[in-house]
Amino acid sequence: MNETLRARLKQRLQDPGLVVAPGVFDMVSLRLADTFGFDALYMTGYGTVASHMGLPDAGLATYSDMVGRVTAMAGMAKTPLIADADTGYGGLLNMRHTIRGYEAAGAAAIQLEDQEFPKKCGHTPGRRVIPMEDMVRKIQVAVDSRTDPNFLIIARTDARTTLGLDEALRRAEAYARAGADILFVESPESEEEMRRIGQSFHLPLLANMVEKGRTPVLSRQELESIGYKLAIFPVTALLAAVHAMQSVYQQFQMQGSSSQGSTPLYDFADLTKLMGFEDVWAFEKRYAETK
């Protein structure tokens, strides 16, 4: 099943049109997004660490923390899952272990970045990168360690913020030569910079669309015209969910009830179906206990 999903994503990236991968951060968001027929879903590190651990995405989550979430999400999804793996959780041997673990967990693609450990979330200050040659070796190990050639390696560089766009482009080119399947130049700061990135490579390019982040959020048509092939929206659904929850909790604080609430709510019956209760009811009907 996962091999089929990987092949499907790889083929889709070769077909015309932008691949939109919305962020999922827990099993509810995963199940909901999985019903919309997207070409891919993106397991956001920021959102997954926040929802699973209640902590910032600052290198605190371990390989074990994250591979467990990949296993749960990819095991349930009918859509190819792109999974954030930070820096690979250590050196070259750790990278091999991470690749094998994420592939076995069912991810369709893995995202790896060239930050120093502990990493920091993209679009936040203080990010520093390792020497380019060290990341090249990591990418080479990642490529050599996969058993399914359709398991895609996304190479991300965070060099733009501290070292400038020229260095980021130089690194992305080196990562392409090392065997990466998709290139991710993080945090370009203008549409002009995004156009320059789009004109620089032949491999599929990933655009990270973070509302109120460093990079302009562009339309599908604009991203396609610039040259991007894959767009992730890692925290949009999370931001919307937190905003709605804030309104609900304020309502409880002020009025002590939801009876006069104005926040739009998902239908409880629909949520029950989404979570799979119909299967439970069918099972209980078939195997009803008799007394």
C-alpha atoms as a PDB file:
ATOM      1  CA  MET A   1       0.000   0.000   0.000  1.00  0.00           C
ATOM      2  CA  ASN A   2       2.680   2.504   0.991  1.00  0.00           C
ATOM      3  CA  GLU A   3       4.776   1.525  -2.011  1.00  0.00           C
ATOM      4  CA  THR A   4       1.792   2.379  -4.199  1.00  0.00           C
ATOM      5  CA  LEU A   5       1.341   5.752  -2.507  1.00  0.00           C
ATOM      6  CA  ARG A   6       5.026   6.561  -2.982  1.00  0.00           C
ATOM      7  CA  ALA A   7       4.878   5.699  -6.662  1.00  0.00           C
ATOM      8  CA  ARG A   8       1.738   7.796  -6.988  1.00  0.00           C
ATOM      9  CA  LEU A   9       3.385  10.874  -5.487  1.00  0.00           C
ATOM     10  CA  LYS A  10       6.529  10.453  -7.582  1.00  0.00           C
ATOM     11  CA  GLN A  11       4.440  10.231 -10.745  1.00  0.00           C
ATOM     12  CA  ARG A  12       2.284  13.191  -9.733  1.00  0.00           C
ATOM     13  CA  LEU A  13       5.381  15.345  -9.365  1.00  0.00           C
ATOM     14  CA  GLN A  14       6.213  14.574 -12.975  1.00  0.00           C
ATOM     15  CA  ASP A  15       2.746  15.568 -14.203  1.00  0.00           C
ATOM     16  CA  PRO A  16       1.659  19.166 -14.911  1.00  0.00           C
ATOM     17  CA  GLY A  17       0.323  21.370 -12.124  1.00  0.00           C
ATOM     18  CA  LEU A  18       1.194  22.309  -8.576  1.00  0.00           C
ATOM     19  CA  VAL A  19       0.993  19.679  -5.834  1.00  0.00           C
ATOM     20  CA  VAL A  20      -0.699  21.194  -2.781  1.00  0.00           C
ATOM     21  CA  ALA A  21       0.127  19.465   0.515  1.00  0.00           C
ATOM     22  CA  PRO A  22      -1.759  20.871   3.525  1.00  0.00           C
ATOM     23  CA  GLY A  23      -0.268  20.446   6.963  1.00  0.00           C
ATOM     24  CA  VAL A  24      -1.564  17.781   9.334  1.00  0.00           C
ATOM     25  CA  PHE A  25      -0.509  17.755  12.967  1.00  0.00           C
ATOM     26  CA  ASP A  26      -2.552  15.085  14.761  1.00  0.00           C
ATOM     27  CA  MET A  27      -4.795  12.176  13.936  1.00  0.00           C
ATOM     28  CA  VAL A  28      -7.972  14.263  13.685  1.00  0.00           C
ATOM     29  CA  SER A  29      -6.438  16.662  11.180  1.00  0.00           C
ATOM     30  CA  LEU A  30      -4.948  13.678   9.337  1.00  0.00           C
ATOM     31  CA  ARG A  31      -8.290  11.897   9.032  1.00  0.00           C
ATOM     32  CA  LEU A  32     -10.084  15.055   7.951  1.00  0.00           C
ATOM     33  CA  ALA A  33      -7.525  16.157   5.352  1.00  0.00           C
ATOM     34  CA  ASP A  34      -7.409  12.595   4.034  1.00  0.00           C
ATOM     35  CA  THR A  35     -11.031  12.901   2.855  1.00  0.00           C
ATOM     36  CA  PHE A  36     -10.385  15.745   0.395  1.00  0.00           C
ATOM     37  CA  GLY A  37      -8.433  13.921  -2.292  1.00  0.00           C
ATOM     38  CA  PHE A  38      -5.194  15.912  -2.047  1.00  0.00           C
ATOM     39  CA  ASP A  39      -2.139  14.676  -3.925  1.00  0.00           C
ATOM     40  CA  ALA A  40      -0.129  14.692  -0.680  1.00  0.00           C
ATOM     41  CA  LEU A  41      -0.298  15.641   2.989  1.00  0.00           C
ATOM     42  CA  TYR A  42       2.499  17.245   4.998  1.00  0.00           C
ATOM     43  CA  MET A  43       3.252  16.108   8.531  1.00  0.00           C
ATOM     44  CA  THR A  44       4.418  19.413   9.959  1.00  0.00           C
ATOM     45  CA  GLY A  45       7.180  19.240  12.535  1.00  0.00           C
ATOM     46  CA  TYR A  46       6.038  22.483  14.160  1.00  0.00           C
ATOM     47  CA  GLY A  47       2.441  21.300  14.523  1.00  0.00           C
ATOM     48  CA  THR A  48       3.233  17.702  15.409  1.00  0.00           C
ATOM     49  CA  VAL A  49       5.652  18.666  18.178  1.00  0.00           C
ATOM     50  CA  ALA A  50       3.134  21.220  19.458  1.00  0.00           C
ATOM     51  CA  SER A  51       0.165  18.850  19.468  1.00  0.00           C
ATOM     52  CA  HIS A  52       1.986  15.706  20.598  1.00  0.00           C
ATOM     53  CA  MET A  53       4.334  17.219  23.181  1.00  0.00           C
ATOM     54  CA  GLY A  54       3.096  20.753  23.858  1.00  0.00           C
ATOM     55  CA  LEU A  55       6.595  22.047  23.115  1.00  0.00           C
ATOM     56  CA  PRO A  56       8.241  24.370  20.588  1.00  0.00           C
ATOM     57  CA  ASP A  57       9.796  22.944  17.430  1.00  0.00           C
ATOM     58  CA  ALA A  58      13.325  23.607  18.652  1.00  0.00           C
ATOM     59  CA  GLY A  59      15.080  20.261  18.441  1.00  0.00           C
ATOM     60  CA  LEU A  60      13.369  18.861  21.531  1.00  0.00           C
ATOM     61  CA  ALA A  61      11.525  16.049  19.766  1.00  0.00           C
ATOM     62  CA  THR A  62      13.593  12.894  19.318  1.00  0.00           C
ATOM     63  CA  TYR A  63      13.637  10.410  16.472  1.00  0.00           C
ATOM     64  CA  SER A  64      11.488   8.073  18.580  1.00  0.00           C
ATOM     65  CA  ASP A  65       8.941  10.811  19.214  1.00  0.00           C
ATOM     66  CA  MET A  66       8.579  11.607  15.537  1.00  0.00           C
ATOM     67  CA  VAL A  67       8.816   8.186  13.923  1.00  0.00           C
ATOM     68  CA  GLY A  68       5.950   7.108  16.154  1.00  0.00           C
ATOM     69  CA  ARG A  69       3.816   9.903  14.755  1.00  0.00           C
ATOM     70  CA  VAL A  70       4.825   9.018  11.187  1.00  0.00           C
ATOM     71  CA  THR A  71       3.842   5.406  11.832  1.00  0.00           C
ATOM     72  CA  ALA A  72       0.411   6.409  13.148  1.00  0.00           C
ATOM     73  CA  MET A  73      -0.331   8.950  10.416  1.00  0.00           C
ATOM     74  CA  ALA A  74       1.034   7.037   7.427  1.00  0.00           C
ATOM     75  CA  GLY A  75      -0.603   3.856   8.687  1.00  0.00           C
ATOM     76  CA  MET A  76      -4.010   5.499   8.540  1.00  0.00           C
ATOM     77  CA  ALA A  77      -3.657   7.802   5.518  1.00  0.00           C
ATOM     78  CA  LYS A  78      -4.888   6.966   2.039  1.00  0.00           C
ATOM     79  CA  THR A  79      -2.911   9.953   0.758  1.00  0.00           C
ATOM     80  CA  PRO A  80       0.894  10.065   0.357  1.00  0.00           C
ATOM     81  CA  LEU A  81       2.435  11.556   3.512  1.00  0.00           C
ATOM     82  CA  ILE A  82       5.462  13.858   3.420  1.00  0.00           C
ATOM     83  CA  ALA A  83       7.168  13.748   6.820  1.00  0.00           C
ATOM     84  CA  ASP A  84       9.443  16.290   8.474  1.00  0.00           C
ATOM     85  CA  ALA A  85      12.607  14.684   9.901  1.00  0.00           C
ATOM     86  CA  ASP A  86      14.515  17.800  10.993  1.00  0.00           C
ATOM     87  CA  THR A  87      18.280  17.218  10.673  1.00  0.00           C
ATOM     88  CA  GLY A  88      18.029  13.435  10.614  1.00  0.00           C
ATOM     89  CA  TYR A  89      18.448  13.386  14.419  1.00  0.00           C
ATOM     90  CA  GLY A  90      22.227  13.226  14.506  1.00  0.00           C
ATOM     91  CA  GLY A  91      25.215  12.218  12.390  1.00  0.00           C
ATOM     92  CA  LEU A  92      25.574   9.961   9.389  1.00  0.00           C
ATOM     93  CA  LEU A  93      24.681   6.744  11.205  1.00  0.00           C
ATOM     94  CA  ASN A  94      21.634   8.461  12.701  1.00  0.00           C
ATOM     95  CA  MET A  95      20.663   9.568   9.202  1.00  0.00           C
ATOM     96  CA  ARG A  96      20.708   5.997   7.946  1.00  0.00           C
ATOM     97  CA  HIS A  97      18.596   4.922  10.921  1.00  0.00           C
ATOM     98  CA  THR A  98      16.119   7.774  10.305  1.00  0.00           C
ATOM     99  CA  ILE A  99      15.725   6.966   6.621  1.00  0.00           C
ATOM    100  CA  ARG A 100      15.099   3.314   7.327  1.00  0.00           C
ATOM    101  CA  GLY A 101      12.669   4.143  10.119  1.00  0.00           C
ATOM    102  CA  TYR A 102      10.616   6.701   8.195  1.00  0.00           C
ATOM    103  CA  GLU A 103      10.466   4.449   5.154  1.00  0.00           C
ATOM    104  CA  ALA A 104       9.340   1.480   7.245  1.00  0.00           C
ATOM    105  CA  ALA A 105       6.777   3.743   8.947  1.00  0.00           C
ATOM    106  CA  GLY A 106       5.164   4.386   5.575  1.00  0.00           C
ATOM    107  CA  ALA A 107       6.155   7.947   4.676  1.00  0.00           C
ATOM    108  CA  ALA A 108       6.140   8.759   0.965  1.00  0.00           C
ATOM    109  CA  ALA A 109       8.828  11.432   1.308  1.00  0.00           C
ATOM    110  CA  ILE A 110      11.173  12.682   4.013  1.00  0.00           C
ATOM    111  CA  GLN A 111      12.301  16.270   4.573  1.00  0.00           C
ATOM    112  CA  LEU A 112      15.856  16.839   5.812  1.00  0.00           C
ATOM    113  CA  GLU A 113      17.508  20.147   6.629  1.00  0.00           C
ATOM    114  CA  ASP A 114      21.051  21.498   6.954  1.00  0.00           C
ATOM    115  CA  GLN A 115      20.675  23.245  10.301  1.00  0.00           C
ATOM    116  CA  GLU A 116      22.954  22.770  13.267  1.00  0.00           C
ATOM    117  CA  PHE A 117      21.586  20.654  16.100  1.00  0.00           C
ATOM    118  CA  PRO A 118      19.414  21.522  17.916  1.00  0.00           C
ATOM    119  CA  LYS A 119      17.445  22.852  14.987  1.00  0.00           C
ATOM    120  CA  LYS A 120      14.972  25.722  15.085  1.00  0.00           C
ATOM    121  CA  CYS A 121      11.693  26.099  13.273  1.00  0.00           C
ATOM    122  CA  GLY A 122      11.936  27.770   9.878  1.00  0.00           C
ATOM    123  CA  HIS A 123      10.812  31.417   9.695  1.00  0.00           C
ATOM    124  CA  THR A 124      12.135  31.944  13.240  1.00  0.00           C
ATOM    125  CA  PRO A 125      15.387  33.737  14.145  1.00  0.00           C
ATOM    126  CA  GLY A 126      18.658  32.202  15.248  1.00  0.00           C
ATOM    127  CA  ARG A 127      18.937  29.385  12.707  1.00  0.00           C
ATOM    128  CA  ARG A 128      22.480  28.297  11.866  1.00  0.00           C
ATOM    129  CA  VAL A 129      23.599  25.780   9.254  1.00  0.00           C
ATOM    130  CA  ILE A 130      26.253  23.097   9.198  1.00  0.00           C
ATOM    131  CA  PRO A 131      29.032  23.134   6.570  1.00  0.00           C
ATOM    132  CA  MET A 132      27.689  22.386   3.118  1.00  0.00           C
ATOM    133  CA  GLU A 133      29.995  19.384   2.695  1.00  0.00           C
ATOM    134  CA  ASP A 134      28.567  17.781   5.845  1.00  0.00           C
ATOM    135  CA  MET A 135      25.022  18.065   4.517  1.00  0.00           C
ATOM    136  CA  VAL A 136      26.091  16.676   1.149  1.00  0.00           C
ATOM    137  CA  ARG A 137      27.320  13.552   2.917  1.00  0.00           C
ATOM    138  CA  LYS A 138      24.044  13.333   4.831  1.00  0.00           C
ATOM    139  CA  ILE A 139      22.078  13.475   1.598  1.00  0.00           C
ATOM    140  CA  GLN A 140      24.295  10.811   0.047  1.00  0.00           C
ATOM    141  CA  VAL A 141      23.724   8.552   3.059  1.00  0.00           C
ATOM    142  CA  ALA A 142      19.977   9.202   2.867  1.00  0.00           C
ATOM    143  CA  VAL A 143      19.832   8.260  -0.805  1.00  0.00           C
ATOM    144  CA  ASP A 144      21.935   5.132  -0.291  1.00  0.00           C
ATOM    145  CA  SER A 145      19.939   4.019   2.765  1.00  0.00           C
ATOM    146  CA  ARG A 146      16.467   3.857   1.224  1.00  0.00           C
ATOM    147  CA  THR A 147      15.248   0.547  -0.164  1.00  0.00           C
ATOM    148  CA  ASP A 148      12.352   1.945  -2.210  1.00  0.00           C
ATOM    149  CA  PRO A 149      13.560   4.313  -4.968  1.00  0.00           C
ATOM    150  CA  ASN A 150      10.126   5.976  -4.866  1.00  0.00           C
ATOM    151  CA  PHE A 151      10.763   7.113  -1.277  1.00  0.00           C
ATOM    152  CA  LEU A 152      11.618  10.736  -2.009  1.00  0.00           C
ATOM    153  CA  ILE A 153      14.390  12.740  -0.347  1.00  0.00           C
ATOM    154  CA  ILE A 154      13.615  16.441   0.175  1.00  0.00           C
ATOM    155  CA  ALA A 155      16.744  18.489   0.870  1.00  0.00           C
ATOM    156  CA  ARG A 156      16.146  21.757   2.682  1.00  0.00           C
ATOM    157  CA  THR A 157      18.626  24.548   3.235  1.00  0.00           C
ATOM    158  CA  ASP A 158      18.144  27.252   5.849  1.00  0.00           C
ATOM    159  CA  ALA A 159      21.126  29.259   4.647  1.00  0.00           C
ATOM    160  CA  ARG A 160      19.111  32.158   3.199  1.00  0.00           C
ATOM    161  CA  THR A 161      18.357  33.861   6.515  1.00  0.00           C
ATOM    162  CA  THR A 162      21.918  34.004   7.874  1.00  0.00           C
ATOM    163  CA  LEU A 163      24.186  33.587   4.833  1.00  0.00           C
ATOM    164  CA  GLY A 164      22.121  35.039   1.985  1.00  0.00           C
ATOM    165  CA  LEU A 165      20.360  33.739  -1.093  1.00  0.00           C
ATOM    166  CA  ASP A 166      23.500  33.096  -3.143  1.00  0.00           C
ATOM    167  CA  GLU A 167      24.781  30.652  -0.521  1.00  0.00           C
ATOM    168  CA  ALA A 168      21.367  29.009  -0.281  1.00  0.00           C
ATOM    169  CA  LEU A 169      21.321  28.463  -4.048  1.00  0.00           C
ATOM    170  CA  ARG A 170      24.862  27.093  -3.994  1.00  0.00           C
ATOM    171  CA  ARG A 171      23.873  24.619  -1.298  1.00  0.00           C
ATOM    172  CA  ALA A 172      20.700  23.543  -3.072  1.00  0.00           C
ATOM    173  CA  GLU A 173      22.726  22.826  -6.215  1.00  0.00           C
ATOM    174  CA  ALA A 174      25.160  20.704  -4.190  1.00  0.00           C
ATOM    175  CA  TYR A 175      22.285  18.804  -2.591  1.00  0.00           C
ATOM    176  CA  ALA A 176      20.821  18.133  -6.027  1.00  0.00           C
ATOM    177  CA  ARG A 177      24.143  16.663  -7.166  1.00  0.00           C
ATOM    178  CA  ALA A 178      24.196  14.528  -4.013  1.00  0.00           C
ATOM    179  CA  GLY A 179      20.970  12.853  -5.123  1.00  0.00           C
ATOM    180  CA  ALA A 180      18.084  14.767  -3.535  1.00  0.00           C
ATOM    181  CA  ASP A 181      14.767  14.364  -5.362  1.00  0.00           C
ATOM    182  CA  ILE A 182      13.184  17.679  -4.284  1.00  0.00           C
ATOM    183  CA  LEU A 183      14.843  20.953  -3.291  1.00  0.00           C
ATOM    184  CA  PHE A 184      13.579  23.219  -0.518  1.00  0.00           C
ATOM    185  CA  VAL A 185      15.191  26.648  -0.186  1.00  0.00           C
ATOM    186  CA  GLU A 186      13.670  27.869   3.063  1.00  0.00           C
ATOM    187  CA  SER A 187      12.584  31.439   3.797  1.00  0.00           C
ATOM    188  CA  PRO A 188      13.067  33.466   0.617  1.00  0.00           C
ATOM    189  CA  GLU A 189      11.963  36.967   1.549  1.00  0.00           C
ATOM    190  CA  SER A 190      10.346  38.293  -1.622  1.00  0.00           C
ATOM    191  CA  GLU A 191       8.594  37.151  -4.764  1.00  0.00           C
ATOM    192  CA  GLU A 192      11.715  38.220  -6.686  1.00  0.00           C
ATOM    193  CA  GLU A 193      13.831  35.817  -4.639  1.00  0.00           C
ATOM    194  CA  MET A 194      11.297  33.062  -5.219  1.00  0.00           C
ATOM    195  CA  ARG A 195      11.498  33.688  -8.973  1.00  0.00           C
ATOM    196  CA  ARG A 196      15.266  33.426  -8.859  1.00  0.00           C
ATOM    197  CA  ILE A 197      15.002  30.091  -7.058  1.00  0.00           C
ATOM    198  CA  GLY A 198      12.486  28.879  -9.628  1.00  0.00           C
ATOM    199  CA  GLN A 199      14.827  29.738 -12.489  1.00  0.00           C
ATOM    200  CA  SER A 200      17.848  28.026 -10.954  1.00  0.00           C
ATOM    201  CA  PHE A 201      16.945  24.328 -10.853  1.00  0.00           C
ATOM    202  CA  HIS A 202      15.420  21.535 -12.886  1.00  0.00           C
ATOM    203  CA  LEU A 203      14.442  19.370  -9.925  1.00  0.00           C
ATOM    204  CA  PRO A 204      11.010  19.834  -8.320  1.00  0.00           C
ATOM    205  CA  LEU A 205      11.002  22.803  -5.936  1.00  0.00           C
ATOM    206  CA  LEU A 206       9.101  23.091  -2.665  1.00  0.00           C
ATOM    207  CA  ALA A 207       7.510  26.340  -1.474  1.00  0.00           C
ATOM    208  CA  ASN A 208       6.834  26.701   2.241  1.00  0.00           C
ATOM    209  CA  MET A 209       3.736  28.855   2.668  1.00  0.00           C
ATOM    210  CA  VAL A 210       3.617  30.135   6.252  1.00  0.00           C
ATOM    211  CA  GLU A 211       1.093  32.868   6.975  1.00  0.00           C
ATOM    212  CA  LYS A 212       2.881  35.940   8.378  1.00  0.00           C
ATOM    213  CA  GLY A 213       6.240  34.213   7.945  1.00  0.00           C
ATOM    214  CA  ARG A 214       9.252  35.491   6.028  1.00  0.00           C
ATOM    215  CA  THR A 215       8.049  34.284   2.618  1.00  0.00           C
ATOM    216  CA  PRO A 216       5.118  35.794   0.660  1.00  0.00           C
ATOM    217  CA  VAL A 217       2.103  33.492   0.463  1.00  0.00           C
ATOM    218  CA  LEU A 218       1.280  33.268  -3.241  1.00  0.00           C
ATOM    219  CA  SER A 219      -1.609  31.805  -5.213  1.00  0.00           C
ATOM    220  CA  ARG A 220      -1.477  28.451  -6.965  1.00  0.00           C
ATOM    221  CA  GLN A 221      -1.111  30.182 -10.327  1.00  0.00           C
ATOM    222  CA  GLU A 222       1.705  32.420  -9.089  1.00  0.00           C
ATOM    223  CA  LEU A 223       3.650  29.510  -7.622  1.00  0.00           C
ATOM    224  CA  GLU A 224       3.287  27.498 -10.814  1.00  0.00           C
ATOM    225  CA  SER A 225       4.404  30.404 -12.994  1.00  0.00           C
ATOM    226  CA  ILE A 226       7.471  30.970 -10.810  1.00  0.00           C
ATOM    227  CA  GLY A 227       8.501  27.349 -11.144  1.00  0.00           C
ATOM    228  CA  TYR A 228       7.453  25.637  -7.939  1.00  0.00           C
ATOM    229  CA  LYS A 229       6.104  22.097  -8.088  1.00  0.00           C
ATOM    230  CA  LEU A 230       5.112  21.426  -4.475  1.00  0.00           C
ATOM    231  CA  ALA A 231       3.552  23.811  -1.959  1.00  0.00           C
ATOM    232  CA  ILE A 232       3.205  22.947   1.713  1.00  0.00           C
ATOM    233  CA  PHE A 233       0.926  24.864   4.080  1.00  0.00           C
ATOM    234  CA  PRO A 234       2.249  23.491   7.369  1.00  0.00           C
ATOM    235  CA  VAL A 235       0.389  25.515  10.002  1.00  0.00           C
ATOM    236  CA  THR A 236      -2.680  27.027   8.297  1.00  0.00           C
ATOM    237  CA  ALA A 237      -5.124  24.449   9.664  1.00  0.00           C
ATOM    238  CA  LEU A 238      -3.448  24.548  13.071  1.00  0.00           C
ATOM    239  CA  LEU A 239      -3.732  28.340  13.240  1.00  0.00           C
ATOM    240  CA  ALA A 240      -7.405  28.125  12.281  1.00  0.00           C
ATOM    241  CA  ALA A 241      -8.064  25.429  14.878  1.00  0.00           C
ATOM    242  CA  VAL A 242      -6.323  27.338  17.682  1.00  0.00           C
ATOM    243  CA  HIS A 243      -8.223  30.498  16.779  1.00  0.00           C
ATOM    244  CA  ALA A 244     -11.543  28.641  16.948  1.00  0.00           C
ATOM    245  CA  MET A 245     -10.629  26.975  20.237  1.00  0.00           C
ATOM    246  CA  GLN A 246      -9.644  30.323  21.714  1.00  0.00           C
ATOM    247  CA  SER A 247     -13.106  31.674  20.874  1.00  0.00           C
ATOM    248  CA  VAL A 248     -14.826  28.672  22.431  1.00  0.00           C
ATOM    249  CA  TYR A 249     -12.781  28.822  25.636  1.00  0.00           C
ATOM    250  CA  GLN A 250     -13.417  32.566  25.943  1.00  0.00           C
ATOM    251  CA  GLN A 251     -17.128  31.851  25.598  1.00  0.00           C
ATOM    252  CA  PHE A 252     -16.964  29.346  28.465  1.00  0.00           C
ATOM    253  CA  GLN A 253     -14.993  31.794  30.604  1.00  0.00           C
ATOM    254  CA  MET A 254     -17.411  34.637  30.025  1.00  0.00           C
ATOM    255  CA  GLN A 255     -20.769  32.861  29.968  1.00  0.00           C
ATOM    256  CA  GLY A 256     -20.186  29.430  31.439  1.00  0.00           C
ATOM    257  CA  SER A 257     -21.949  27.652  28.602  1.00  0.00           C
ATOM    258  CA  SER A 258     -21.911  27.050  24.864  1.00  0.00           C
ATOM    259  CA  SER A 259     -25.629  27.788  24.551  1.00  0.00           C
ATOM    260  CA  GLN A 260     -25.083  31.258  23.085  1.00  0.00           C
ATOM    261  CA  GLY A 261     -21.833  30.491  21.294  1.00  0.00           C
ATOM    262  CA  SER A 262     -21.133  32.069  17.925  1.00  0.00           C
ATOM    263  CA  THR A 263     -18.123  29.969  16.851  1.00  0.00           C
ATOM    264  CA  PRO A 264     -18.979  27.663  13.912  1.00  0.00           C
ATOM    265  CA  LEU A 265     -18.812  24.042  15.060  1.00  0.00           C
ATOM    266  CA  TYR A 266     -18.211  20.855  13.114  1.00  0.00           C
ATOM    267  CA  ASP A 267     -21.272  18.622  13.335  1.00  0.00           C
ATOM    268  CA  PHE A 268     -20.916  16.044  16.102  1.00  0.00           C
ATOM    269  CA  ALA A 269     -22.534  13.325  14.000  1.00  0.00           C
ATOM    270  CA  ASP A 270     -20.079  14.034  11.177  1.00  0.00           C
ATOM    271  CA  LEU A 271     -17.141  13.891  13.599  1.00  0.00           C
ATOM    272  CA  THR A 272     -18.421  10.567  14.882  1.00  0.00           C
ATOM    273  CA  LYS A 273     -18.398   9.219  11.323  1.00  0.00           C
ATOM    274  CA  LEU A 274     -14.989  10.716  10.594  1.00  0.00           C
ATOM    275  CA  MET A 275     -13.503   8.918  13.605  1.00  0.00           C
ATOM    276  CA  GLY A 276     -14.819   5.563  12.411  1.00  0.00           C
ATOM    277  CA  PHE A 277     -17.721   4.874  14.727  1.00  0.00           C
ATOM    278  CA  GLU A 278     -19.805   3.421  11.885  1.00  0.00           C
ATOM    279  CA  ASP A 279     -17.309   0.560  11.643  1.00  0.00           C
ATOM    280  CA  VAL A 280     -17.585   0.030  15.403  1.00  0.00           C
ATOM    281  CA  TRP A 281     -21.379  -0.102  15.186  1.00  0.00           C
ATOM    282  CA  ALA A 282     -21.261  -2.546  12.276  1.00  0.00           C
ATOM    283  CA  PHE A 283     -18.833  -4.747  14.181  1.00  0.00           C
ATOM    284  CA  GLU A 284     -21.015  -4.723  17.281  1.00  0.00           C
ATOM    285  CA  LYS A 285     -24.093  -5.562  15.233  1.00  0.00           C
ATOM    286  CA  ARG A 286     -22.350  -8.496  13.557  1.00  0.00           C
ATOM    287  CA  TYR A 287     -20.773  -9.835  16.716  1.00  0.00           C
ATOM    288  CA  ALA A 288     -23.444  -8.860  19.240  1.00  0.00           C
ATOM    289  CA  GLU A 289     -23.042 -10.573  22.554  1.00  0.00           C
ATOM    290  CA  THR A 290     -25.935 -12.754  23.599  1.00  0.00           C
ATOM    291  CA  LYS A 291     -26.912 -13.335  27.185  1.00  0.00           C
END
